[in-house]
Protein backbone atom coordinates (compact mmCIF):
# COMPACT_ATOMS: atom_id res chain seq x y z
CA MET A 1 7.89 -19.74 9.49
CA THR A 2 8.72 -19.39 13.17
CA THR A 3 5.14 -18.79 14.26
CA GLU A 4 4.06 -22.08 12.71
CA ARG A 5 6.52 -23.93 14.92
CA LEU A 6 5.36 -22.16 18.07
CA ARG A 7 1.82 -23.48 17.94
CA PRO A 8 -0.17 -23.82 21.18
CA ASP A 9 -0.94 -27.54 20.76
CA VAL A 10 2.72 -28.63 20.59
CA ASP A 11 3.51 -32.02 22.12
CA THR A 12 6.23 -31.53 24.76
CA ALA A 13 6.67 -35.28 25.21
CA GLY A 14 9.17 -35.13 22.35
CA PRO A 15 11.66 -32.59 21.00
CA VAL A 16 10.11 -29.38 19.67
CA GLU A 17 11.71 -27.52 16.75
CA ILE A 18 11.48 -23.82 17.68
CA ALA A 19 13.44 -22.66 14.60
CA PRO A 20 15.20 -24.47 11.74
CA ARG A 21 17.53 -27.06 13.35
CA VAL A 22 17.05 -25.54 16.80
CA TRP A 23 15.18 -27.74 19.29
CA TRP A 24 13.68 -27.50 22.73
CA VAL A 25 14.67 -30.72 24.50
CA GLY A 26 13.71 -29.87 28.05
CA HIS A 27 11.32 -31.57 30.44
CA LEU A 28 8.28 -29.96 32.03
CA ILE A 29 8.00 -31.16 35.62
CA PRO A 30 4.28 -31.42 36.53
CA GLY A 31 3.16 -28.69 38.90
CA ASP A 32 6.54 -26.90 38.89
CA ARG A 33 6.28 -23.12 38.39
CA PHE A 34 10.05 -22.87 37.84
CA GLN A 35 10.69 -25.00 34.76
CA ALA A 36 14.27 -25.13 33.43
CA HIS A 37 14.67 -25.52 29.66
CA ALA A 38 17.36 -27.28 27.67
CA TYR A 39 17.95 -26.54 23.97
CA LEU A 40 19.75 -28.36 21.18
CA ILE A 41 21.35 -26.80 18.08
CA GLU A 42 21.67 -29.41 15.36
CA ALA A 43 25.01 -28.93 13.57
CA GLY A 44 26.41 -32.35 12.65
CA ASP A 45 29.32 -33.38 14.86
CA ARG A 46 29.55 -29.75 16.10
CA SER A 47 26.09 -29.78 17.68
CA VAL A 48 25.38 -27.77 20.83
CA LEU A 49 23.47 -28.71 23.99
CA ILE A 50 22.44 -25.62 25.92
CA ASP A 51 21.86 -25.74 29.71
CA PRO A 52 21.42 -29.53 30.01
CA GLY A 53 19.59 -29.43 33.35
CA SER A 54 19.70 -31.41 36.60
CA ALA A 55 19.39 -34.97 37.86
CA LEU A 56 15.61 -34.50 37.84
CA THR A 57 15.44 -33.87 34.10
CA ILE A 58 18.60 -35.13 32.37
CA GLU A 59 17.25 -38.57 31.33
CA HIS A 60 14.22 -36.90 29.71
CA VAL A 61 16.54 -34.41 27.99
CA LEU A 62 18.76 -37.18 26.62
CA GLU A 63 15.73 -39.13 25.41
CA LYS A 64 14.62 -36.10 23.36
CA VAL A 65 18.17 -35.47 22.11
CA ARG A 66 18.38 -39.03 20.78
CA GLN A 67 15.27 -38.43 18.70
CA VAL A 68 17.18 -35.68 16.86
CA LEU A 69 20.80 -36.87 16.80
CA ASP A 70 23.37 -39.14 18.41
CA PRO A 71 24.58 -37.53 21.68
CA ARG A 72 28.15 -38.21 20.47
CA ASP A 73 27.61 -35.44 17.92
CA ILE A 74 27.38 -32.92 20.78
CA ARG A 75 30.68 -31.03 20.69
CA TRP A 76 29.65 -28.10 22.90
CA VAL A 77 27.73 -28.03 26.20
CA VAL A 78 26.84 -24.42 27.00
CA ALA A 79 26.26 -23.35 30.61
CA HIS A 80 24.81 -19.84 30.58
CA HIS A 81 25.20 -19.72 34.34
CA THR A 82 26.00 -22.09 37.20
CA ASP A 83 22.75 -22.91 39.05
CA PRO A 84 22.11 -26.62 39.76
CA ASP A 85 18.78 -26.72 37.90
CA VAL A 86 20.65 -25.57 34.78
CA CYS A 87 23.82 -27.65 34.77
CA SER A 88 24.25 -30.00 37.75
CA ALA A 89 23.75 -32.92 35.31
CA LEU A 90 27.07 -32.14 33.56
CA PRO A 91 28.86 -35.25 34.93
CA VAL A 92 26.19 -37.49 33.37
CA LEU A 93 27.33 -36.30 29.94
CA ASP A 94 31.02 -37.11 30.35
CA ASP A 95 30.95 -40.46 28.51
CA LEU A 96 27.95 -39.75 26.25
CA VAL A 97 28.98 -36.74 24.18
CA HIS A 98 31.68 -36.20 21.52
CA PRO A 99 35.19 -37.28 22.59
CA ASP A 100 36.35 -33.70 22.07
CA ALA A 101 33.35 -32.08 23.81
CA HIS A 102 33.82 -28.98 25.96
CA ILE A 103 31.81 -27.10 28.57
CA VAL A 104 31.30 -23.58 27.24
CA THR A 105 31.35 -20.77 29.81
CA GLU A 106 33.50 -17.81 30.93
CA TRP A 107 36.06 -17.66 33.73
CA ARG A 108 33.63 -16.89 36.57
CA GLY A 109 31.40 -19.74 35.47
CA GLN A 110 34.37 -22.11 35.25
CA ALA A 111 35.32 -21.33 38.86
CA LEU A 112 31.98 -22.75 40.05
CA LEU A 113 31.09 -25.30 37.38
CA ARG A 114 34.20 -27.38 38.07
CA HIS A 115 32.69 -28.25 41.47
CA TYR A 116 30.04 -30.39 39.76
CA GLY A 117 32.86 -32.87 39.02
CA SER A 118 32.53 -33.23 35.23
CA SER A 119 35.63 -34.49 33.42
CA LEU A 120 34.87 -32.40 30.29
CA PRO A 121 37.38 -29.60 29.60
CA PHE A 122 36.32 -25.98 29.51
CA TYR A 123 36.01 -23.64 26.51
CA LEU A 124 36.16 -20.03 27.74
CA VAL A 125 34.35 -17.75 25.30
CA GLU A 126 36.45 -14.70 26.18
CA ASP A 127 39.50 -16.57 24.86
CA HIS A 128 37.79 -17.44 21.54
CA ASP A 129 36.40 -14.14 20.27
CA TRP A 130 33.08 -14.78 22.08
CA ARG A 131 31.89 -17.26 19.47
CA ILE A 132 31.70 -20.88 18.38
CA ASP A 133 31.77 -21.74 14.68
CA LEU A 134 29.23 -24.41 13.76
CA ASP A 135 28.61 -25.98 10.33
CA GLY A 136 28.72 -23.84 7.20
CA GLU A 137 28.47 -20.13 8.01
CA ARG A 138 26.47 -20.73 11.19
CA ARG A 139 27.91 -19.70 14.50
CA LEU A 140 26.90 -19.16 18.10
CA ASP A 141 27.75 -15.67 19.39
CA PHE A 142 28.02 -14.87 23.10
CA THR A 143 27.76 -11.76 25.22
CA LEU A 144 27.86 -11.03 28.93
CA ILE A 145 24.71 -9.90 30.73
CA PRO A 146 26.39 -9.46 34.11
CA TYR A 147 24.44 -9.78 37.38
CA LEU A 148 21.33 -11.10 35.59
CA HIS A 149 21.32 -12.91 37.89
CA PHE A 150 24.91 -14.29 38.06
CA PRO A 151 27.98 -11.99 37.73
CA GLY A 152 29.21 -13.98 34.70
CA ALA A 153 25.82 -14.72 33.15
CA LEU A 154 25.91 -15.22 29.38
CA ALA A 155 23.41 -14.90 26.56
CA SER A 156 23.96 -16.48 23.15
CA TYR A 157 22.63 -16.04 19.62
CA GLU A 158 22.49 -18.57 16.79
CA THR A 159 23.07 -16.56 13.63
CA ALA A 160 21.19 -18.66 11.04
CA SER A 161 17.93 -19.14 12.95
CA ARG A 162 18.20 -15.80 14.82
CA VAL A 163 17.33 -17.48 18.11
CA LEU A 164 18.46 -15.60 21.22
CA PHE A 165 19.09 -17.77 24.28
CA THR A 166 18.67 -15.29 27.13
CA CYS A 167 19.72 -17.15 30.28
CA ASP A 168 17.40 -15.92 33.10
CA LEU A 169 16.24 -12.85 31.15
CA PHE A 170 12.58 -13.15 30.06
CA GLY A 171 12.13 -16.10 32.40
CA GLY A 172 8.91 -16.41 34.33
CA PHE A 173 7.13 -18.18 37.16
CA THR A 174 4.85 -20.13 34.83
CA VAL A 175 1.29 -21.24 35.44
CA GLY A 176 0.26 -24.30 33.40
CA ASP A 177 2.34 -26.41 31.03
CA GLU A 178 2.30 -24.37 27.80
CA LEU A 179 5.76 -24.03 26.30
CA PHE A 180 5.10 -20.91 24.23
CA ALA A 181 3.77 -17.41 24.96
CA HIS A 182 1.22 -16.29 22.38
CA ASP A 183 0.43 -12.76 23.57
CA LEU A 184 1.69 -10.05 25.89
CA GLY A 185 -0.29 -11.53 28.76
CA TYR A 186 2.78 -13.63 29.51
CA PHE A 187 4.50 -10.45 30.66
CA ASP A 188 2.84 -10.69 34.10
CA GLU A 189 4.76 -13.94 34.68
CA ILE A 190 7.99 -12.26 33.48
CA ARG A 191 7.48 -9.27 35.78
CA ALA A 192 7.10 -11.34 38.94
CA PHE A 193 10.18 -13.42 38.12
CA HIS A 194 12.41 -10.42 37.44
CA GLU A 195 11.25 -8.44 40.49
CA HIS A 196 12.40 -11.38 42.56
CA TYR A 197 15.53 -12.56 40.72
CA MET A 198 17.19 -9.46 39.28
CA PRO A 199 19.14 -7.08 41.52
CA SER A 200 18.06 -3.71 40.11
CA GLY A 201 16.19 -2.00 37.29
CA ASP A 202 19.35 -0.21 36.13
CA ILE A 203 21.28 -3.48 35.76
CA LEU A 204 18.31 -5.05 33.99
CA ARG A 205 18.06 -2.19 31.48
CA ALA A 206 21.81 -2.30 30.82
CA GLY A 207 21.57 -6.00 29.95
CA LEU A 208 18.54 -5.47 27.72
CA ASP A 209 20.23 -2.57 25.91
CA ASN A 210 23.29 -4.75 25.27
CA LEU A 211 21.13 -7.49 23.72
CA ARG A 212 19.23 -4.97 21.57
CA HIS A 213 22.52 -3.60 20.26
CA ARG A 214 24.28 -6.93 19.73
CA PHE A 215 21.41 -8.95 18.26
CA PRO A 216 18.93 -6.57 16.57
CA ASP A 217 17.64 -9.25 14.15
CA THR A 218 16.36 -11.59 16.87
CA ARG A 219 13.33 -13.65 15.78
CA VAL A 220 12.92 -16.04 18.73
CA VAL A 221 13.66 -15.55 22.44
CA ALA A 222 14.42 -18.82 24.25
CA PRO A 223 14.82 -18.20 27.99
CA GLN A 224 16.11 -20.63 30.59
CA HIS A 225 12.78 -20.55 32.42
CA GLY A 226 9.22 -19.61 31.54
CA ARG A 227 7.96 -19.52 27.96
CA ILE A 228 9.47 -19.12 24.50
CA PHE A 229 8.18 -16.30 22.29
CA ALA A 230 8.86 -14.99 18.80
CA ASP A 231 8.35 -12.44 16.02
CA ASP A 232 6.02 -9.56 16.90
CA LEU A 233 6.24 -10.30 20.64
CA VAL A 234 10.03 -9.92 20.82
CA TRP A 235 10.54 -6.15 20.97
CA PRO A 236 7.31 -5.31 22.85
CA MET A 237 8.54 -7.72 25.55
CA PHE A 238 11.90 -5.92 25.58
CA ASP A 239 10.11 -2.57 25.95
CA ARG A 240 7.90 -3.73 28.80
CA LEU A 241 10.70 -5.44 30.66
CA SER A 242 12.78 -2.25 30.48
CA ASP A 243 10.22 -0.55 32.77
CA VAL A 244 10.33 -3.17 35.53
CA GLU A 245 11.96 -2.28 38.85
CA CYS A 246 13.73 -5.17 40.57
CA GLY A 247 15.41 -6.10 43.84
CA ILE A 248 12.34 -6.74 45.99
CA PHE A 249 14.42 -8.48 48.68
CA LEU A 250 15.57 -4.97 49.59
CA MET A 251 12.00 -4.49 50.84
CA ALA A 252 12.26 -7.48 53.17
CA GLN A 253 12.76 -7.17 56.91
CA ASP A 254 11.88 -10.33 58.84
CA ASP A 255 9.60 -11.95 56.24
CA LEU A 256 11.54 -13.47 53.35
CA HIS A 257 8.69 -15.66 52.08
CA LEU A 258 8.56 -15.28 48.31
CA ALA A 259 4.76 -15.14 48.04
CA ASN A 260 4.58 -12.38 50.64
CA LEU A 261 7.34 -10.40 48.95
CA LEU A 262 5.68 -10.63 45.53
CA ALA A 263 2.34 -9.59 47.01
CA ALA A 264 3.96 -6.62 48.76
CA SER A 265 5.67 -5.58 45.54
CA ALA A 266 2.45 -5.83 43.55
CA LEU A 267 0.60 -3.78 46.17
CA GLU A 268 3.28 -1.07 46.18
CA ARG A 269 3.27 -0.89 42.39
CA ARG A 270 -0.52 -0.68 42.36
CA LEU A 271 -0.59 2.17 44.85
CA ALA A 272 2.24 4.03 43.13
CA GLN A 273 0.95 3.69 39.60
CA THR A 274 -2.81 3.51 40.04
CA LEU A 275 -3.49 5.68 43.08
CA LEU A 276 -0.53 8.08 43.17
CA GLY A 277 -0.77 9.14 39.52
CA SER A 278 2.77 8.30 38.47
CA ALA A 279 1.73 6.28 35.40
CA GLU A 280 1.09 7.32 31.81
CA LEU A 281 -2.59 7.83 31.01
CA PRO A 282 -3.12 4.60 28.98
CA ASP A 283 -1.48 2.44 31.62
CA LEU A 284 -3.21 4.26 34.47
CA ALA A 285 -6.61 3.93 32.79
CA ASP A 286 -6.09 0.21 32.20
CA ARG A 287 -4.96 -0.36 35.78
CA SER A 288 -7.81 1.72 37.13
CA THR A 289 -10.24 -0.39 35.12
CA ILE A 290 -8.81 -3.53 36.69
CA LEU A 291 -9.12 -1.95 40.12
CA LEU A 292 -12.75 -0.95 39.57
CA ARG A 293 -13.62 -4.44 38.32
CA GLU A 294 -13.25 -5.60 41.92
CA PHE A 295 -16.52 -3.77 42.50
CA LEU A 296 -18.44 -4.01 39.21
CA PRO A 297 -18.01 -5.49 35.70
CA VAL A 298 -16.49 -2.30 34.31
CA GLU A 299 -15.84 -2.67 30.58
CA ARG A 300 -13.55 0.34 30.15
CA LEU A 301 -12.89 3.91 31.23
CA GLU A 302 -13.65 6.77 28.86
CA ALA A 303 -12.46 10.34 29.37
CA TYR A 304 -14.04 13.31 27.60
CA VAL A 305 -12.20 16.62 27.41
CA GLU A 306 -13.90 19.80 26.22
CA THR A 307 -11.27 22.05 24.63
CA THR A 308 -11.55 25.49 23.12
CA ASP A 309 -9.65 24.72 19.90
CA GLU A 310 -10.60 21.11 19.10
CA GLY A 311 -14.03 20.75 20.66
CA THR A 312 -14.82 17.54 22.57
CA LEU A 313 -12.13 14.85 22.55
CA LEU A 314 -12.58 11.18 23.51
CA PHE A 315 -9.76 9.27 25.21
CA SER A 316 -10.43 5.54 25.45
CA PRO A 317 -8.64 2.19 24.93
CA GLU A 318 -10.59 1.64 21.69
CA GLU A 319 -9.04 4.70 20.06
CA GLY A 320 -5.63 4.26 21.70
CA TYR A 321 -5.99 7.23 24.08
CA GLY A 322 -5.04 9.48 21.22
CA GLY A 323 -7.80 12.03 21.69
CA THR A 324 -10.39 11.58 18.92
CA PRO A 325 -12.76 14.51 18.17
CA VAL A 326 -16.42 13.58 18.79
CA PRO A 327 -19.59 15.65 18.26
CA ALA A 328 -20.56 15.57 21.94
CA ILE A 329 -20.44 13.49 25.12
CA PRO A 330 -22.85 10.60 24.44
CA TYR A 331 -24.02 10.16 28.02
CA GLY A 332 -26.95 12.05 29.52
CA PRO A 333 -26.95 14.05 32.75
CA THR A 334 -28.20 11.09 34.83
CA VAL A 335 -25.16 8.90 34.05
CA PRO A 336 -22.65 9.24 36.90
CA TYR A 337 -19.20 10.51 36.02
CA LEU A 338 -16.06 11.72 37.72
CA ALA A 339 -15.46 15.40 37.13
CA LEU A 340 -11.74 15.96 37.55
CA PRO A 341 -10.53 19.09 39.32
CA GLN A 342 -8.85 21.46 36.88
CA PRO A 343 -7.21 24.90 37.23
CA GLU A 344 -9.28 27.89 36.20
CA GLY A 345 -9.41 28.20 32.42
CA ALA A 346 -8.20 24.58 31.85
CA PRO A 347 -10.25 22.10 29.77
CA SER A 348 -13.19 20.37 31.47
CA ILE A 349 -12.55 16.64 31.99
CA ARG A 350 -15.14 13.94 32.72
CA VAL A 351 -14.35 10.25 33.27
CA TYR A 352 -17.04 7.59 32.81
CA ALA A 353 -16.91 3.95 33.86
CA VAL A 354 -18.74 2.13 31.07
CA LEU A 355 -20.85 -0.76 32.36
CA PRO A 356 -23.12 -3.34 30.70
CA ASP A 357 -26.69 -2.20 30.12
CA GLY A 358 -28.84 -2.39 33.22
CA VAL A 359 -25.98 -2.41 35.72
CA GLU A 360 -26.12 0.44 38.23
CA ILE A 361 -23.19 2.03 40.04
CA PRO A 362 -23.41 1.57 43.82
CA ARG A 363 -21.71 3.72 46.41
CA SER A 364 -18.71 1.42 46.56
CA LEU A 365 -17.81 2.20 42.95
CA ALA A 366 -18.42 5.90 43.50
CA ARG A 367 -16.02 5.83 46.47
CA ALA A 368 -13.43 4.00 44.36
CA MET A 369 -13.75 6.58 41.60
CA ILE A 370 -13.31 9.41 44.09
CA GLN A 371 -10.07 7.78 45.24
CA LEU A 372 -8.92 7.78 41.62
CA ALA A 373 -9.71 11.45 41.03
CA GLN A 374 -6.28 12.88 41.80
CA PRO A 375 -4.07 10.38 39.94
CA ILE A 376 -6.29 10.42 36.86
CA GLN A 377 -6.40 14.21 36.92
CA ILE A 378 -2.60 14.42 37.07
CA ALA A 379 -2.11 11.82 34.37
CA MET A 380 -4.75 13.39 32.10
CA SER A 381 -3.29 16.88 32.51
CA GLU A 382 0.21 15.63 31.68
CA HIS A 383 -1.19 13.63 28.75
CA LEU A 384 -2.94 16.71 27.36
CA ALA A 385 0.18 18.82 27.83
CA ARG A 386 2.33 16.25 26.00
CA ARG A 387 -0.28 15.94 23.27
CA ALA A 388 -0.34 19.71 22.76
CA ALA A 389 3.46 19.86 22.83
CA ALA A 390 3.71 17.03 20.29
CA ARG A 391 1.26 18.78 17.95
CA GLU A 392 3.19 22.03 18.27
CA ARG A 393 6.48 20.22 17.71
CA GLN A 394 5.13 18.58 14.57
CA ARG A 395 3.91 21.96 13.33
CA ILE A 396 7.32 23.57 13.94
CA ILE A 397 9.16 20.65 12.35
CA ALA A 398 6.87 20.78 9.33
CA GLU A 399 7.46 24.51 8.95
CA THR A 400 11.21 24.08 9.42
CA LEU A 401 11.40 21.40 6.73
CA ARG A 402 9.10 23.14 4.25
CA ASP A 403 9.83 25.81 1.69
CA PRO A 404 7.21 28.51 2.33
CA LEU A 405 6.94 29.54 -1.34
CA THR A 406 6.43 26.16 -3.02
CA GLY A 407 5.22 23.96 -0.17
CA LEU A 408 7.90 21.39 -1.03
CA HIS A 409 10.42 20.16 1.51
CA ASN A 410 13.57 22.20 1.81
CA ARG A 411 17.03 20.65 1.71
CA ARG A 412 17.17 20.26 5.50
CA VAL A 413 15.00 17.15 5.10
CA LEU A 414 17.91 15.42 3.33
CA SER A 415 19.88 15.31 6.60
CA ASP A 416 17.16 13.13 8.14
CA ALA A 417 18.48 9.56 8.42
CA HIS A 418 15.10 8.20 7.32
CA VAL A 419 15.22 10.22 4.10
CA ALA A 420 18.69 8.93 3.26
CA GLU A 421 17.70 5.37 4.13
CA ASP A 422 17.90 3.76 0.73
CA PRO A 423 16.17 5.82 -1.96
CA SER A 424 16.21 4.24 -5.42
CA ALA A 425 16.78 7.30 -7.62
CA ILE A 426 17.50 11.03 -7.49
CA LEU A 427 16.26 13.61 -10.01
CA MET A 428 18.02 16.99 -10.07
CA ILE A 429 15.84 19.60 -11.79
CA ASP A 430 16.77 23.13 -12.77
CA LEU A 431 14.64 25.86 -14.42
CA ASP A 432 16.16 26.93 -17.72
CA ASN A 433 15.22 30.59 -17.83
CA LEU A 434 14.13 31.89 -14.43
CA LYS A 435 16.59 34.81 -14.44
CA ASP A 436 15.21 35.99 -17.78
CA VAL A 437 11.66 35.83 -16.39
CA ASN A 438 12.63 37.77 -13.27
CA ASP A 439 14.40 40.42 -15.36
CA ALA A 440 11.52 40.74 -17.83
CA ALA A 441 8.43 40.32 -15.68
CA GLY A 442 9.57 40.69 -12.10
CA HIS A 443 10.11 38.36 -9.19
CA ASP A 444 6.38 37.86 -8.60
CA ALA A 445 6.16 36.19 -12.00
CA GLY A 446 9.25 34.11 -11.19
CA ASP A 447 7.62 33.01 -7.95
CA GLN A 448 4.51 31.92 -9.86
CA ILE A 449 6.68 29.79 -12.14
CA LEU A 450 8.44 28.18 -9.16
CA GLN A 451 5.05 27.37 -7.62
CA GLY A 452 3.82 25.93 -10.93
CA VAL A 453 6.86 23.66 -11.23
CA ALA A 454 6.35 22.53 -7.62
CA ARG A 455 2.75 21.56 -8.45
CA VAL A 456 3.99 19.55 -11.45
CA ILE A 457 6.52 17.72 -9.25
CA LEU A 458 3.93 16.92 -6.57
CA GLY A 459 1.56 15.66 -9.24
CA ASN A 460 4.08 13.12 -10.51
CA ILE A 461 5.46 11.56 -7.30
CA ARG A 462 3.97 9.22 -4.73
CA GLN A 463 3.08 11.21 -1.64
CA ARG A 464 3.62 8.35 0.82
CA SER A 465 7.12 7.37 -0.26
CA ASP A 466 8.72 9.92 -2.61
CA LEU A 467 9.94 13.41 -1.75
CA GLY A 468 9.88 16.68 -3.63
CA VAL A 469 12.51 19.17 -2.44
CA ARG A 470 13.27 22.75 -3.32
CA TYR A 471 17.02 22.38 -3.33
CA GLY A 472 17.82 26.07 -3.62
CA GLY A 473 16.89 29.01 -5.86
CA ASP A 474 15.54 27.53 -9.08
CA GLU A 475 16.80 23.99 -8.39
CA PHE A 476 14.58 21.13 -7.30
CA LEU A 477 15.38 17.57 -6.21
CA VAL A 478 13.14 14.49 -6.28
CA VAL A 479 13.79 11.39 -4.16
CA LEU A 480 12.16 8.25 -5.60
CA ARG A 481 11.89 5.06 -3.55
CA GLU A 482 11.49 1.50 -4.81
CA ALA A 483 11.85 2.72 -8.39
CA GLY A 484 13.75 1.10 -11.22
CA GLN A 485 15.66 3.13 -13.77
CA SER A 486 12.83 3.01 -16.32
CA HIS A 487 10.36 4.39 -13.78
CA ALA A 488 12.78 7.15 -12.77
CA ILE A 489 13.26 8.18 -16.40
CA GLU A 490 9.52 8.06 -16.99
CA VAL A 491 8.85 10.38 -14.02
CA ALA A 492 11.59 12.76 -15.13
CA GLU A 493 10.25 12.91 -18.69
CA ARG A 494 6.68 13.53 -17.49
CA ILE A 495 7.87 16.41 -15.33
CA ARG A 496 9.85 17.88 -18.24
CA GLN A 497 6.93 17.67 -20.66
CA GLN A 498 4.38 19.08 -18.23
CA VAL A 499 6.63 22.01 -17.30
CA GLU A 500 7.18 22.68 -21.01
CA HIS A 501 3.40 23.09 -21.41
CA LEU A 502 3.06 25.07 -18.18
CA ARG A 503 1.58 28.54 -18.69
CA VAL A 504 1.85 31.24 -16.03
CA THR A 505 0.03 34.55 -16.47
CA THR A 506 1.94 37.49 -14.99
CA ILE A 507 0.38 40.03 -12.72
CA GLN A 508 0.76 42.74 -15.39
CA ASP A 509 -2.51 43.42 -17.21
CA GLY A 510 -2.59 42.07 -20.75
CA ALA A 511 0.78 40.38 -20.47
CA SER A 512 1.29 37.19 -22.43
CA PRO A 513 1.51 33.91 -20.52
CA LEU A 514 5.05 32.98 -19.59
CA ARG A 515 6.59 29.70 -20.68
CA THR A 516 9.45 27.86 -19.12
CA SER A 517 11.30 24.55 -19.28
CA VAL A 518 13.49 22.41 -17.07
CA SER A 519 16.64 20.37 -17.46
CA ILE A 520 16.87 17.15 -15.45
CA GLY A 521 19.68 14.84 -14.41
CA VAL A 522 18.83 11.29 -13.25
CA ALA A 523 21.02 9.11 -11.00
CA MET A 524 20.29 5.71 -9.52
CA HIS A 525 21.20 5.12 -5.87
CA PRO A 526 23.23 1.92 -5.31
CA SER A 527 22.72 0.14 -2.00
CA ARG A 528 24.70 1.73 0.85
CA GLU A 529 26.09 4.58 -1.28
CA ASP A 530 26.23 7.91 0.49
CA LEU A 531 23.25 10.01 -0.60
CA GLY A 532 25.54 12.95 -1.32
CA MET A 533 27.40 10.93 -3.96
CA THR A 534 24.15 10.08 -5.75
CA ILE A 535 23.11 13.74 -5.69
CA LEU A 536 26.51 14.71 -7.10
CA ARG A 537 26.10 12.31 -10.05
CA ALA A 538 22.58 13.59 -10.71
CA ASP A 539 23.89 17.16 -10.58
CA ARG A 540 26.61 16.36 -13.15
CA ARG A 541 23.99 14.97 -15.52
CA LEU A 542 21.89 18.09 -14.92
CA TYR A 543 24.88 20.21 -15.93
CA GLU A 544 25.24 18.09 -19.06
CA ALA A 545 21.55 18.64 -19.88
CA LYS A 546 21.98 22.41 -19.44
CA SER A 547 25.12 22.54 -21.55
CA THR A 548 23.74 20.45 -24.43
CA GLY A 549 20.63 22.46 -25.21
CA ARG A 550 18.41 22.48 -22.06
CA ASN A 551 14.81 21.21 -21.79
CA ARG A 552 16.02 17.64 -21.72
CA VAL A 553 16.60 14.66 -19.43
CA ILE A 554 20.06 13.08 -19.10
CA THR A 555 19.93 9.55 -17.71
CA PRO A 556 22.52 6.97 -16.54
CA SER A 557 22.35 5.30 -19.96
CA ASP A 558 23.11 8.50 -21.90
C-alpha cells in the first residue's frame, strides 16, 4: 500500500520507493527550506529521471539512482520547468544515460533549457500526443499547467502507480527534513509557497481544475519542492489550495524582502478572515481560537443559539459546527460569554471561550472577544441562514422525489446520476387487478392496496442502498444494488408472495377484505449499460408475466 511506503521514519540517505517502481532520488540539503526533489521511474531501458537537480545535488541523485538501476537505462530526462535548481545539472548526464536519451519538455522549455549546454536531444511532448510509453502498458502522461510558475510548466502522471508529479504545485517552504506530509498541517507550508510563487488565484485554480479533470485517480502527489503526500490527503489538499490567493509581490512597494512580504500577507489574511467576518463559520471559529490563544490557553469556541423551532443548538468543532440540539446551555450566569448583536426577533447567540478548569478570563481576553463580535455575528448569521436554507431545500427535494400516496420515490429520482450509477438489478412490478378493485370498491380501496404494496416493497429492500419507486399508476420499480441474480429473484418472489397474502379492508361497512396480486419482471444491469435499457428489458418480462397468467415472476433465465 502507498501509505506503508510513506512512513515518517524513512531513511533519505538512500532511494525511497514512494509507489511501486517509482522512487524519490533527491537530496535534502541541511537547513535549506527550498528543497528540490528528483524522482526516478523504473522501467527497464526506458526508465525516466524527473527533474535531476543542480550541481549542488546531482552527485547525490546519481548515487541513489545507481542503487536502483544503471543510469544507462535512463531513456528520458523530464524537465517540468527550467529553473536551475531543477535542471541545471543536465550536462552532467550527457555521457551517463542511455545513448538514445532525450530531454523531455515542451517548446517554451526547450528555448531556455538549451542554454544549459547539454548535448542530449529534445523530446517535445506536444509533438508526441503528450505522452511517453514505458514498459508494458505503463506510460507517462503530460499536461500543461501554464504560469505555475513558468509559462510552459508541465505536470506528469504515471498511469500504473497513479503518481502525479506536480512541478511547483503543492510545493512548500519546508521546516525540518521530513520527506512526507502526514496530515493537513502541511498545508500552511504550501500556502506560504504559493502566495509567493504563483501569479494569481485564478491561474492557480485553473491549473488545479485541469489536474482534477485529467488525473482523477491520483494516489500520490510528488511535488518539485516541499513534501510528498498520498491517499486521503490528496483531494483535501486540492480543495484547500483552491482557496488560496496568490501574487503577493503585487503588494510590494519598496520592500521586496520575502519574510516581510509573507508576514504582510498573513496579517492581511488574518484581518480579512478573522476580524472582518469574511470567512465561513468553522474556519472563522478556528482562526479566532488561534487568535485568542495569544492571550489565554483557549481550548475551543462554542456557540449556542436559542431558536424557536429547534430549541438550543450547539455549534462547536467537536460536532463539526453542524448545530446539534442540546437540552440547555451548560454554563451558569457567572461564566463570561459574548452575546452577539442580532436583529429584533432573530435567534439569541452566545459565544463561549472554553478554558481549562481554574483559568480566569482577564480583561485582555474580554477586549479580544469584543473585537471579534462583529465578524462572528456575521458569520454565524450567514451560517444559520444557509443551514435553514439547506434544510428547506432537502425538504423540498424530498417532497419532489416522493410519491405522496405511497411514500415511495417517484420516477424523477431515476434521472439522478447517483441512482443510475451502477445498480445490479431492476424489478418492474405491476398490480394485476387494480382497475377491477377501483370499479368494484372505489378509488379509496384502490389507494389502500397501492399503499399496502408499497409497504411490502419497503419491507423487502435495503433502505441504505436499494430504491422503491412508484413508476406510475399501478406500476412499481425496484432498484437493487450489489445483488446477484439469485438475490434479485428471491426479493421479487418474496414481494409476489407477500402481496398475494395481502388483505385490505375497504371503507364500506361489512365489506369483505380485498385481495390482489402482482406480476414482476426481473432484469440484471450489466456494467455501463444505460439504465433505460435495463428498465425496458424488465418491462418486457413484466409484460410476459402478465400475458402468461399473472401473479408470477419472469426472470432472465426464463
